[in-house]
C-alpha atoms as a PDB file:
ATOM      1  CA  MET A   1     -13.598  28.387 -35.687  1.00  0.00           C
ATOM      2  CA  LYS A   2     -11.067  29.137 -32.930  1.00  0.00           C
ATOM      3  CA  THR A   3     -13.776  28.873 -30.277  1.00  0.00           C
ATOM      4  CA  ARG A   4     -14.876  25.495 -31.597  1.00  0.00           C
ATOM      5  CA  ARG A   5     -11.289  24.204 -31.595  1.00  0.00           C
ATOM      6  CA  LEU A   6     -10.668  25.556 -28.084  1.00  0.00           C
ATOM      7  CA  THR A   7     -13.852  23.870 -26.850  1.00  0.00           C
ATOM      8  CA  SER A   8     -12.751  20.560 -28.404  1.00  0.00           C
ATOM      9  CA  VAL A   9      -9.353  20.813 -26.744  1.00  0.00           C
ATOM     10  CA  LEU A  10     -10.906  21.604 -23.354  1.00  0.00           C
ATOM     11  CA  VAL A  11     -13.320  18.677 -23.629  1.00  0.00           C
ATOM     12  CA  ALA A  12     -10.443  16.349 -24.561  1.00  0.00           C
ATOM     13  CA  LEU A  13      -8.404  17.576 -21.599  1.00  0.00           C
ATOM     14  CA  ALA A  14     -11.357  17.076 -19.239  1.00  0.00           C
ATOM     15  CA  VAL A  15     -11.875  13.507 -20.476  1.00  0.00           C
ATOM     16  CA  LEU A  16      -8.147  12.809 -20.063  1.00  0.00           C
ATOM     17  CA  ALA A  17      -8.153  14.247 -16.529  1.00  0.00           C
ATOM     18  CA  ILE A  18     -11.108  12.067 -15.530  1.00  0.00           C
ATOM     19  CA  ALA A  19      -9.470   8.969 -17.006  1.00  0.00           C
ATOM     20  CA  LEU A  20      -6.178   9.648 -15.213  1.00  0.00           C
ATOM     21  CA  SER A  21      -7.804  10.418 -11.880  1.00  0.00           C
ATOM     22  CA  SER A  22      -9.640   7.105 -11.882  1.00  0.00           C
ATOM     23  CA  ALA A  23      -6.368   5.266 -12.575  1.00  0.00           C
ATOM     24  CA  LEU A  24      -4.481   6.850  -9.670  1.00  0.00           C
ATOM     25  CA  PRO A  25      -4.470   5.053  -6.307  1.00  0.00           C
ATOM     26  CA  VAL A  26      -6.868   6.389  -3.721  1.00  0.00           C
ATOM     27  CA  HIS A  27      -5.515   6.840  -0.224  1.00  0.00           C
ATOM     28  CA  ALA A  28      -8.075   5.435   2.161  1.00  0.00           C
ATOM     29  CA  ALA A  29      -8.664   6.424   5.734  1.00  0.00           C
ATOM     30  CA  PRO A  30      -6.377   4.810   8.303  1.00  0.00           C
ATOM     31  CA  ALA A  31      -7.017   1.106   8.661  1.00  0.00           C
ATOM     32  CA  ALA A  32      -9.376  -0.058  11.363  1.00  0.00           C
ATOM     33  CA  VAL A  33      -7.420  -2.160  13.836  1.00  0.00           C
ATOM     34  CA  ARG A  34      -8.776  -4.633  16.353  1.00  0.00           C
ATOM     35  CA  GLY A  35      -7.137  -6.104  19.389  1.00  0.00           C
ATOM     36  CA  THR A  36      -5.817  -9.647  19.330  1.00  0.00           C
ATOM     37  CA  PRO A  37      -4.503 -12.091  21.937  1.00  0.00           C
ATOM     38  CA  VAL A  38      -1.583 -12.857  19.579  1.00  0.00           C
ATOM     39  CA  THR A  39       1.619 -11.110  20.677  1.00  0.00           C
ATOM     40  CA  GLN A  40       4.111 -12.571  18.183  1.00  0.00           C
ATOM     41  CA  VAL A  41       3.996 -14.073  14.713  1.00  0.00           C
ATOM     42  CA  ALA A  42       6.646 -15.897  12.696  1.00  0.00           C
ATOM     43  CA  ALA A  43       7.168 -15.627   8.951  1.00  0.00           C
ATOM     44  CA  LEU A  44       6.784 -18.906   7.067  1.00  0.00           C
ATOM     45  CA  VAL A  45       8.265 -17.518   3.831  1.00  0.00           C
ATOM     46  CA  ASN A  46      10.122 -14.378   2.780  1.00  0.00           C
ATOM     47  CA  LEU A  47       7.430 -11.943   3.913  1.00  0.00           C
ATOM     48  CA  ASN A  48       7.121  -8.338   2.785  1.00  0.00           C
ATOM     49  CA  ILE A  49       6.759  -5.665   5.460  1.00  0.00           C
ATOM     50  CA  ARG A  50       4.435  -2.925   4.226  1.00  0.00           C
ATOM     51  CA  THR A  51       3.386   0.591   5.189  1.00  0.00           C
ATOM     52  CA  GLY A  52      -0.301  -0.384   5.320  1.00  0.00           C
ATOM     53  CA  PRO A  53      -2.688  -3.331   5.278  1.00  0.00           C
ATOM     54  CA  SER A  54      -2.871  -4.135   1.566  1.00  0.00           C
ATOM     55  CA  ARG A  55      -0.679  -5.175  -1.330  1.00  0.00           C
ATOM     56  CA  HIS A  56      -1.073  -1.628  -2.672  1.00  0.00           C
ATOM     57  CA  HIS A  57       1.029  -0.181   0.159  1.00  0.00           C
ATOM     58  CA  ALA A  58       4.774   0.205  -0.247  1.00  0.00           C
ATOM     59  CA  ILE A  59       7.174  -2.577   0.735  1.00  0.00           C
ATOM     60  CA  VAL A  60       9.598  -1.243   3.332  1.00  0.00           C
ATOM     61  CA  GLY A  61      11.293  -4.399   4.574  1.00  0.00           C
ATOM     62  CA  LEU A  62      11.360  -8.173   4.698  1.00  0.00           C
ATOM     63  CA  LEU A  63      10.979 -10.916   7.307  1.00  0.00           C
ATOM     64  CA  TRP A  64      12.907 -14.116   6.651  1.00  0.00           C
ATOM     65  CA  PRO A  65      11.327 -17.541   7.266  1.00  0.00           C
ATOM     66  CA  GLY A  66      11.330 -18.163  11.019  1.00  0.00           C
ATOM     67  CA  GLN A  67      11.898 -14.514  11.876  1.00  0.00           C
ATOM     68  CA  ARG A  68       9.445 -13.203  14.489  1.00  0.00           C
ATOM     69  CA  ALA A  69       7.609  -9.917  14.780  1.00  0.00           C
ATOM     70  CA  THR A  70       5.779  -8.327  17.704  1.00  0.00           C
ATOM     71  CA  VAL A  71       2.069  -7.908  16.961  1.00  0.00           C
ATOM     72  CA  THR A  72       0.284  -4.682  17.954  1.00  0.00           C
ATOM     73  CA  GLY A  73      -3.064  -5.381  16.275  1.00  0.00           C
ATOM     74  CA  LEU A  74      -5.013  -7.089  13.513  1.00  0.00           C
ATOM     75  CA  SER A  75      -6.748  -5.424  10.568  1.00  0.00           C
ATOM     76  CA  ASP A  76     -10.516  -5.265  10.778  1.00  0.00           C
ATOM     77  CA  ASP A  77     -10.790  -7.752   7.897  1.00  0.00           C
ATOM     78  CA  TYR A  78      -8.398 -10.198   9.666  1.00  0.00           C
ATOM     79  CA  ASN A  79      -6.016 -10.244   6.672  1.00  0.00           C
ATOM     80  CA  TRP A  80      -3.075  -8.223   8.052  1.00  0.00           C
ATOM     81  CA  TRP A  81      -1.041  -8.149  11.261  1.00  0.00           C
ATOM     82  CA  ARG A  82       0.025  -4.723  12.472  1.00  0.00           C
ATOM     83  CA  ILE A  83       3.541  -5.202  13.835  1.00  0.00           C
ATOM     84  CA  ARG A  84       6.313  -3.185  15.438  1.00  0.00           C
ATOM     85  CA  CYS A  85       8.728  -2.284  12.666  1.00  0.00           C
ATOM     86  CA  PRO A  86      12.285  -3.458  13.318  1.00  0.00           C
ATOM     87  CA  TRP A  87      13.388   0.204  13.033  1.00  0.00           C
ATOM     88  CA  GLY A  88      10.482   1.630  15.118  1.00  0.00           C
ATOM     89  CA  GLY A  89       6.903   2.621  14.421  1.00  0.00           C
ATOM     90  CA  THR A  90       4.270   0.267  13.033  1.00  0.00           C
ATOM     91  CA  CYS A  91       4.157  -1.718   9.819  1.00  0.00           C
ATOM     92  CA  TRP A  92       1.993  -4.477   8.344  1.00  0.00           C
ATOM     93  CA  ILE A  93       2.491  -8.085   7.232  1.00  0.00           C
ATOM     94  CA  SER A  94       0.079 -10.609   5.800  1.00  0.00           C
ATOM     95  CA  ALA A  95      -1.937 -12.643   8.305  1.00  0.00           C
ATOM     96  CA  SER A  96      -2.515 -15.398   5.738  1.00  0.00           C
ATOM     97  CA  PRO A  97      -1.655 -18.823   7.216  1.00  0.00           C
ATOM     98  CA  TYR A  98       0.418 -19.435   4.085  1.00  0.00           C
ATOM     99  CA  TYR A  99       2.770 -16.579   4.983  1.00  0.00           C
ATOM    100  CA  SER A 100       2.769 -16.191   8.785  1.00  0.00           C
ATOM    101  CA  LYS A 101       1.646 -17.970  11.928  1.00  0.00           C
ATOM    102  CA  PRO A 102       1.013 -16.928  15.540  1.00  0.00           C
ATOM    103  CA  VAL A 103       3.706 -18.173  17.926  1.00  0.00           C
ATOM    104  CA  ALA A 104       2.953 -16.337  21.192  1.00  0.00           C
ATOM    105  CA  TRP A 105      -0.228 -15.222  22.948  1.00  0.00           C
ATOM    106  CA  ARG A 106      -1.180 -13.021  25.886  1.00  0.00           C
ATOM    107  CA  ARG A 107      -1.521 -14.947  29.138  1.00  0.00           C
END
């Protein structure tokens, strides 16, 4: 009887562990970045600055409408600008034309 109960508890715990692991975010490999002739973009709205190229990455800052950022690359899917963070390092902002627009290019 105790063995049967222990087996039931272990099976329930295994099912719970599988369910929880599929609900947790998966950290993908570093984003593929391509070069771009764009050197600066301007925010068109209050624009979140993120740690990576997706809405699942943490918000670490904000660009105000009209505020510019220096571009260091473009995500492989063309949806995110990699920028120089105002405090150093690299961050990401949306490349959607609803949220940002290029304002300077390499000559």
